[in-house]
């Protein structure tokens, strides 16, 4: 049964349209987005798809093919931040954010289905938000530009859901282009689409989902963000983005014995520099040279930001030992996924080595797939 047919079965009439929004992999630039820094995600072929129709009676009805909840019915004038801790908080939060911004959204029937792995650090929540926002934007003819649409989705996640995420995930889902990575300045949302066609160069980027679950709304993510804000305040800057790479040593010295803050600052400043290095290498056509930069990024996330875990470290160490060009954890941390850059001819060998290492360690078997830079959110029908 198609998503449109399921919608009609649920709600009694055909949807006005069907939309899709992708998950994302972040190539480089982790935890820099809420520090006004640089990131470089690309969209995955895995998407959340929504069949949607408008309503004029103030009712929001939500259904997910992936959750055994039945149809959840809410009133748009009653939804409020932190009122929902389930999956419906994401689409309901988007409706709340649109209405808070002055857009006259008077209700909707929405049926959703997703192929984006949840809890894998691949932005399943952003895909859910963006597909909802894009559908309502087009149906209600709101005329919202994609960067602003991403901002509204981020507001939904920050204020309604209560997860202190940055702007990267929503912007990637809304704005990425097929065959490209998105070089994004999260301060002003300036974008560059950087060609990223690994297959043409005989390489692959593997995503290894460790199947260790994490949630951004848990306390550790918030602690890192608060620590970064403390570092910026101590250094007298608006955000850690404003600490230049060549001024890092002096900045760390000024932080004195604030060891935890020093580690966070060091990661953010060096990670911004790594994004710029990867952009330069890709523009120069030296794609294989980004491998060591990925390795550096993982070491920084593991040792300075301290958000890796045993499973992620095992992926990285095993992949590099098996001949990978580079590897690092990706996403918010404390589980989720790692990315592994390999020569195409080595992909099977590296995958097998990681699977065997997980089995030997007694871990749940990881899910491994090739990440293909894909299109951002769009209307399907």
Protein backbone atom coordinates (compact mmCIF):
# COMPACT_ATOMS: atom_id res chain seq x y z
CA UNK A 1 0.00 0.00 0.00
CA UNK A 2 1.38 3.41 -0.97
CA UNK A 3 1.62 6.24 1.55
CA UNK A 4 -1.21 8.06 -0.26
CA UNK A 5 -3.41 4.96 -0.12
CA UNK A 6 -2.70 4.55 3.59
CA UNK A 7 -3.58 8.21 4.13
CA UNK A 8 -6.93 7.69 2.40
CA UNK A 9 -7.60 4.59 4.50
CA UNK A 10 -6.88 6.54 7.68
CA UNK A 11 -8.60 9.82 6.92
CA UNK A 12 -11.23 8.99 4.30
CA UNK A 13 -9.94 11.05 1.38
CA UNK A 14 -6.82 11.36 -0.78
CA UNK A 15 -4.02 13.64 0.47
CA UNK A 16 -3.42 17.01 -1.15
CA UNK A 17 0.20 16.04 -1.67
CA UNK A 18 3.17 13.90 -0.65
CA UNK A 19 6.54 15.29 0.42
CA UNK A 20 9.93 13.85 1.45
CA UNK A 21 12.79 15.14 3.60
CA UNK A 22 16.10 13.29 4.09
CA UNK A 23 18.27 12.39 7.00
CA UNK A 24 21.86 13.52 6.83
CA UNK A 25 25.43 12.50 7.49
CA UNK A 26 27.85 15.13 8.70
CA UNK A 27 31.15 14.78 6.88
CA UNK A 28 32.99 17.12 9.25
CA UNK A 29 32.09 19.85 11.74
CA UNK A 30 30.66 18.32 14.90
CA UNK A 31 29.05 20.42 17.67
CA UNK A 32 30.21 23.57 15.89
CA UNK A 33 26.72 24.55 14.77
CA UNK A 34 25.51 25.90 18.12
CA UNK A 35 28.81 27.77 18.37
CA UNK A 36 28.10 29.79 15.19
CA UNK A 37 30.70 27.69 13.38
CA UNK A 38 31.17 25.72 10.17
CA UNK A 39 29.66 22.36 9.26
CA UNK A 40 29.63 20.14 6.18
CA UNK A 41 26.72 17.71 6.01
CA UNK A 42 25.16 15.98 3.05
CA UNK A 43 21.71 14.48 2.64
CA UNK A 44 21.11 10.73 2.59
CA UNK A 45 18.76 8.83 0.28
CA UNK A 46 16.91 7.76 3.44
CA UNK A 47 13.85 9.97 3.91
CA UNK A 48 10.79 10.69 5.98
CA UNK A 49 7.76 10.89 3.70
CA UNK A 50 4.55 12.71 4.59
CA UNK A 51 1.11 12.62 2.98
CA UNK A 52 -0.71 15.76 4.07
CA UNK A 53 -4.00 17.63 3.71
CA UNK A 54 -5.14 20.90 5.25
CA UNK A 55 -7.90 21.26 7.81
CA UNK A 56 -9.84 24.40 8.70
CA UNK A 57 -11.24 23.33 12.08
CA UNK A 58 -8.14 23.70 14.24
CA UNK A 59 -7.54 19.94 14.47
CA UNK A 60 -4.14 18.33 13.88
CA UNK A 61 -4.27 14.58 13.25
CA UNK A 62 -1.00 12.64 13.14
CA UNK A 63 -0.22 9.05 12.25
CA UNK A 64 3.08 7.23 11.75
CA UNK A 65 3.56 3.95 9.94
CA UNK A 66 6.54 3.35 12.23
CA UNK A 67 4.76 3.70 15.59
CA UNK A 68 1.84 1.63 16.87
CA UNK A 69 -0.04 4.61 18.27
CA UNK A 70 -3.01 4.90 15.97
CA UNK A 71 -4.10 8.39 14.94
CA UNK A 72 -3.17 11.06 17.49
CA UNK A 73 -5.54 14.05 17.51
CA UNK A 74 -4.55 17.47 18.88
CA UNK A 75 -5.93 20.99 18.74
CA UNK A 76 -3.55 23.53 17.23
CA UNK A 77 -4.57 26.24 19.69
CA UNK A 78 -3.80 23.99 22.67
CA UNK A 79 -0.39 22.55 21.77
CA UNK A 80 2.37 24.02 23.91
CA UNK A 81 6.12 23.50 24.47
CA UNK A 82 7.10 20.43 26.50
CA UNK A 83 3.51 19.16 26.45
CA UNK A 84 4.46 16.01 24.54
CA UNK A 85 7.44 13.69 24.98
CA UNK A 86 6.60 11.28 22.15
CA UNK A 87 7.28 11.29 18.41
CA UNK A 88 4.32 13.60 17.79
CA UNK A 89 6.22 16.44 19.50
CA UNK A 90 8.25 16.96 16.31
CA UNK A 91 5.44 17.60 13.81
CA UNK A 92 3.28 19.28 16.47
CA UNK A 93 6.24 21.48 17.39
CA UNK A 94 6.53 22.60 13.77
CA UNK A 95 2.85 23.60 13.73
CA UNK A 96 3.40 25.50 16.98
CA UNK A 97 6.50 27.26 15.57
CA UNK A 98 4.70 28.25 12.37
CA UNK A 99 1.76 29.67 14.31
CA UNK A 100 4.09 31.45 16.76
CA UNK A 101 5.73 33.09 13.72
CA UNK A 102 2.35 34.43 12.65
CA UNK A 103 1.45 31.88 9.97
CA UNK A 104 -2.22 30.94 9.89
CA UNK A 105 -1.99 27.16 10.01
CA UNK A 106 -5.49 25.97 10.90
CA UNK A 107 -4.86 22.22 11.14
CA UNK A 108 -3.82 19.24 9.06
CA UNK A 109 -4.12 15.51 8.55
CA UNK A 110 -0.65 13.97 8.33
CA UNK A 111 0.50 10.40 7.71
CA UNK A 112 4.24 9.71 7.98
CA UNK A 113 6.63 6.90 7.10
CA UNK A 114 10.41 6.92 7.41
CA UNK A 115 13.48 5.00 6.29
CA UNK A 116 15.86 7.20 8.33
CA UNK A 117 17.31 5.09 11.17
CA UNK A 118 16.26 6.55 14.53
CA UNK A 119 18.79 7.16 17.28
CA UNK A 120 21.66 6.66 14.83
CA UNK A 121 22.85 10.27 14.69
CA UNK A 122 21.44 10.67 11.18
CA UNK A 123 18.88 13.38 11.95
CA UNK A 124 15.66 11.40 11.88
CA UNK A 125 14.03 14.14 13.97
CA UNK A 126 15.09 16.91 11.58
CA UNK A 127 13.71 14.96 8.63
CA UNK A 128 10.38 14.65 10.45
CA UNK A 129 10.31 18.37 11.20
CA UNK A 130 11.36 19.52 7.75
CA UNK A 131 8.93 17.32 5.83
CA UNK A 132 6.10 18.64 8.00
CA UNK A 133 7.19 22.25 7.58
CA UNK A 134 7.65 22.00 3.82
CA UNK A 135 4.26 20.40 3.30
CA UNK A 136 2.47 23.03 5.40
CA UNK A 137 4.45 25.85 3.79
CA UNK A 138 3.36 24.76 0.32
CA UNK A 139 -0.23 23.84 1.20
CA UNK A 140 -0.85 27.08 3.06
CA UNK A 141 1.19 29.11 0.51
CA UNK A 142 3.30 30.67 3.25
CA UNK A 143 6.27 31.48 0.98
CA UNK A 144 8.95 30.62 3.53
CA UNK A 145 12.50 30.39 2.13
CA UNK A 146 14.38 27.18 2.90
CA UNK A 147 16.90 28.68 5.39
CA UNK A 148 14.06 30.27 7.36
CA UNK A 149 12.10 27.03 7.20
CA UNK A 150 15.11 25.33 8.81
CA UNK A 151 15.19 28.03 11.51
CA UNK A 152 11.54 27.40 12.34
CA UNK A 153 12.20 23.66 12.58
CA UNK A 154 15.15 24.29 14.88
CA UNK A 155 12.92 26.48 17.06
CA UNK A 156 10.41 23.64 17.24
CA UNK A 157 13.11 21.24 18.42
CA UNK A 158 14.71 23.69 20.86
CA UNK A 159 11.60 25.24 22.40
CA UNK A 160 8.83 22.68 21.90
CA UNK A 161 10.71 19.37 22.16
CA UNK A 162 13.36 20.74 24.52
CA UNK A 163 16.45 19.49 22.68
CA UNK A 164 19.19 22.17 22.47
CA UNK A 165 20.33 21.31 18.93
CA UNK A 166 21.97 23.68 16.47
CA UNK A 167 20.79 24.60 12.98
CA UNK A 168 22.80 22.08 10.94
CA UNK A 169 20.42 19.13 10.81
CA UNK A 170 17.38 21.05 9.67
CA UNK A 171 19.35 23.07 7.12
CA UNK A 172 20.90 19.92 5.67
CA UNK A 173 17.52 18.26 5.31
CA UNK A 174 15.98 21.37 3.73
CA UNK A 175 18.82 22.63 1.55
CA UNK A 176 21.23 19.88 0.45
CA UNK A 177 21.65 19.03 -3.24
CA UNK A 178 22.19 15.72 -4.98
CA UNK A 179 25.88 14.85 -5.41
CA UNK A 180 27.10 17.63 -3.11
CA UNK A 181 28.12 18.30 0.47
CA UNK A 182 26.83 21.52 2.03
CA UNK A 183 29.44 23.90 3.41
CA UNK A 184 27.35 25.89 5.85
CA UNK A 185 28.24 28.91 7.97
CA UNK A 186 25.78 28.50 10.83
CA UNK A 187 26.09 32.14 11.89
CA UNK A 188 24.56 33.71 8.78
CA UNK A 189 23.43 30.49 7.00
CA UNK A 190 25.67 31.27 4.01
CA UNK A 191 25.89 28.12 1.90
CA UNK A 192 28.21 26.60 -0.66
CA UNK A 193 27.34 23.37 -2.45
CA UNK A 194 30.63 21.45 -2.79
CA UNK A 195 30.73 18.61 -5.38
CA UNK A 196 31.20 15.31 -3.55
CA UNK A 197 31.01 12.34 -5.90
CA UNK A 198 33.06 9.60 -4.29
CA UNK A 199 31.90 6.86 -6.68
CA UNK A 200 33.40 8.73 -9.63
CA UNK A 201 36.76 8.71 -7.83
CA UNK A 202 36.66 5.05 -6.84
CA UNK A 203 35.79 5.63 -3.19
CA UNK A 204 32.89 5.09 -0.81
CA UNK A 205 31.80 6.61 2.47
CA UNK A 206 30.40 3.90 4.72
CA UNK A 207 27.99 4.70 7.54
CA UNK A 208 28.28 2.28 10.44
CA UNK A 209 25.26 2.47 12.72
CA UNK A 210 26.45 1.02 16.01
CA UNK A 211 22.82 0.57 17.12
CA UNK A 212 23.73 2.24 20.38
CA UNK A 213 20.92 4.72 20.97
CA UNK A 214 21.24 8.28 22.16
CA UNK A 215 18.90 11.23 22.64
CA UNK A 216 19.93 14.88 22.22
CA UNK A 217 17.48 15.98 24.86
CA UNK A 218 19.44 14.02 27.46
CA UNK A 219 21.64 16.02 29.80
CA UNK A 220 25.10 15.38 28.35
CA UNK A 221 24.43 17.27 25.12
CA UNK A 222 23.13 20.23 27.09
CA UNK A 223 26.18 20.15 29.35
CA UNK A 224 28.51 20.43 26.35
CA UNK A 225 26.54 23.34 24.98
CA UNK A 226 26.53 25.13 28.34
CA UNK A 227 30.28 24.55 28.65
CA UNK A 228 30.89 26.09 25.23
CA UNK A 229 28.79 29.11 26.18
CA UNK A 230 30.79 29.45 29.39
CA UNK A 231 34.01 29.35 27.38
CA UNK A 232 32.78 32.09 25.05
CA UNK A 233 31.78 34.23 28.03
CA UNK A 234 35.14 33.77 29.75
CA UNK A 235 36.93 34.71 26.53
CA UNK A 236 34.70 37.71 25.93
CA UNK A 237 33.42 36.59 22.52
CA UNK A 238 29.92 36.17 21.16
CA UNK A 239 30.55 32.51 20.30
CA UNK A 240 33.54 30.19 20.07
CA UNK A 241 33.44 30.72 16.30
CA UNK A 242 35.10 34.06 17.06
CA UNK A 243 38.27 32.42 18.44
CA UNK A 244 40.68 32.22 15.50
CA UNK A 245 42.66 29.01 15.03
CA UNK A 246 46.00 30.81 15.25
CA UNK A 247 44.88 32.41 18.53
CA UNK A 248 43.88 29.12 20.18
CA UNK A 249 46.94 28.70 22.40
CA UNK A 250 46.54 32.19 23.81
CA UNK A 251 42.84 31.59 24.41
CA UNK A 252 43.50 28.35 26.26
CA UNK A 253 46.09 30.08 28.43
CA UNK A 254 43.52 32.75 29.35
CA UNK A 255 41.12 30.02 30.52
CA UNK A 256 43.59 29.01 33.21
CA UNK A 257 42.57 26.01 35.28
CA UNK A 258 39.10 25.65 33.67
CA UNK A 259 40.20 22.29 32.27
CA UNK A 260 36.82 21.06 31.09
CA UNK A 261 36.08 24.34 29.33
CA UNK A 262 39.56 24.32 27.81
CA UNK A 263 38.88 20.92 26.23
CA UNK A 264 35.57 22.04 24.79
CA UNK A 265 37.07 25.23 23.38
CA UNK A 266 39.98 23.35 21.84
CA UNK A 267 37.62 20.96 20.04
CA UNK A 268 35.37 23.68 18.62
CA UNK A 269 38.21 25.87 17.36
CA UNK A 270 40.16 22.99 15.79
CA UNK A 271 36.97 21.48 14.35
CA UNK A 272 36.08 24.71 12.55
CA UNK A 273 39.58 24.65 11.10
CA UNK A 274 39.11 21.04 10.00
CA UNK A 275 35.94 21.98 8.09
CA UNK A 276 37.84 24.69 6.24
CA UNK A 277 40.64 22.24 5.43
CA UNK A 278 38.19 19.65 4.04
CA UNK A 279 36.50 22.29 1.88
CA UNK A 280 39.88 23.35 0.47
CA UNK A 281 40.89 19.74 -0.25
CA UNK A 282 37.62 18.92 -2.00
CA UNK A 283 37.78 22.09 -4.10
CA UNK A 284 41.33 21.14 -5.08
CA UNK A 285 40.21 17.65 -6.10
CA UNK A 286 42.35 16.00 -3.40
CA UNK A 287 39.53 13.97 -1.88
CA UNK A 288 41.63 11.14 -0.46
CA UNK A 289 43.54 13.65 1.66
CA UNK A 290 40.46 14.32 3.80
CA UNK A 291 40.94 10.91 5.46
CA UNK A 292 43.52 12.07 8.03
CA UNK A 293 41.35 15.11 8.82
CA UNK A 294 38.46 12.77 9.66
CA UNK A 295 40.80 10.85 11.97
CA UNK A 296 41.81 14.04 13.74
CA UNK A 297 38.15 14.93 14.18
CA UNK A 298 37.41 11.64 15.88
CA UNK A 299 40.34 11.99 18.26
CA UNK A 300 39.13 15.45 19.23
CA UNK A 301 35.56 14.27 19.81
CA UNK A 302 36.84 11.32 21.84
CA UNK A 303 39.49 13.06 23.94
CA UNK A 304 38.44 16.72 24.18
CA UNK A 305 34.66 16.71 23.76
CA UNK A 306 34.41 13.23 25.31
CA UNK A 307 31.26 12.13 23.49
CA UNK A 308 32.47 8.94 21.84
CA UNK A 309 31.86 5.46 23.24
CA UNK A 310 33.49 2.03 23.08
CA UNK A 311 31.46 0.95 20.03
CA UNK A 312 32.29 4.07 18.03
CA UNK A 313 35.98 3.82 18.93
CA UNK A 314 35.98 0.17 17.87
CA UNK A 315 34.54 1.09 14.46
CA UNK A 316 37.19 3.73 13.88
CA UNK A 317 40.15 1.70 15.12
CA UNK A 318 39.10 -1.45 13.27
CA UNK A 319 38.35 0.35 10.01
CA UNK A 320 41.71 2.12 9.99
CA UNK A 321 43.53 -1.13 10.76
CA UNK A 322 41.68 -2.76 7.85
CA UNK A 323 42.86 -0.14 5.38
CA UNK A 324 40.31 2.69 5.55
CA UNK A 325 41.46 6.13 4.42
CA UNK A 326 39.83 7.83 7.40
CA UNK A 327 37.07 7.40 9.97
CA UNK A 328 35.28 9.27 12.72
CA UNK A 329 32.12 9.28 14.77
CA UNK A 330 29.36 11.51 13.40
CA UNK A 331 26.36 13.11 15.06
CA UNK A 332 25.64 14.12 18.62
CA UNK A 333 27.64 11.34 20.26
CA UNK A 334 27.17 8.76 23.02
CA UNK A 335 26.28 6.18 20.37
CA UNK A 336 24.86 6.52 16.91
CA UNK A 337 27.02 6.20 13.82
CA UNK A 338 30.54 6.47 12.49
CA UNK A 339 31.61 7.27 8.93
CA UNK A 340 34.42 5.45 7.18
CA UNK A 341 36.12 6.66 3.99
CA UNK A 342 37.40 3.71 1.94
CA UNK A 343 38.62 2.82 -1.51
CA UNK A 344 35.67 1.13 -3.21
CA UNK A 345 37.67 -2.06 -3.62
CA UNK A 346 38.27 -2.18 0.14
CA UNK A 347 34.66 -1.57 1.23
CA UNK A 348 33.78 -5.23 1.69
CA UNK A 349 36.99 -6.00 3.59
CA UNK A 350 36.54 -3.06 5.96
CA UNK A 351 32.87 -3.86 6.52
CA UNK A 352 33.67 -7.48 7.35
CA UNK A 353 36.44 -6.46 9.75
CA UNK A 354 34.08 -4.14 11.65
CA UNK A 355 31.34 -6.77 11.82
CA UNK A 356 33.79 -9.37 13.12
CA UNK A 357 35.18 -6.95 15.71
CA UNK A 358 31.67 -6.26 17.01
CA UNK A 359 30.92 -9.96 17.21
CA UNK A 360 34.17 -10.62 19.08
CA UNK A 361 33.35 -7.84 21.56
CA UNK A 362 29.85 -9.20 22.15
CA UNK A 363 28.16 -6.11 20.71
CA UNK A 364 24.95 -6.07 18.69
CA UNK A 365 25.77 -6.40 14.98
CA UNK A 366 26.15 -2.95 13.38
CA UNK A 367 24.23 -1.80 10.34
CA UNK A 368 26.59 -0.75 7.52
CA UNK A 369 25.57 1.05 4.34
CA UNK A 370 27.10 3.33 1.70
CA UNK A 371 26.22 7.01 2.09
CA UNK A 372 25.26 8.59 -1.23
CA UNK A 373 24.96 12.42 -1.29
CA UNK A 374 21.32 13.00 -2.19
CA UNK A 375 18.68 15.67 -2.70
CA UNK A 376 17.17 17.72 0.09
CA UNK A 377 13.47 18.08 0.94
CA UNK A 378 11.07 18.08 -2.00
CA UNK A 379 7.51 17.44 -3.12
CA UNK A 380 6.92 13.98 -4.57
CA UNK A 381 3.33 14.35 -5.77
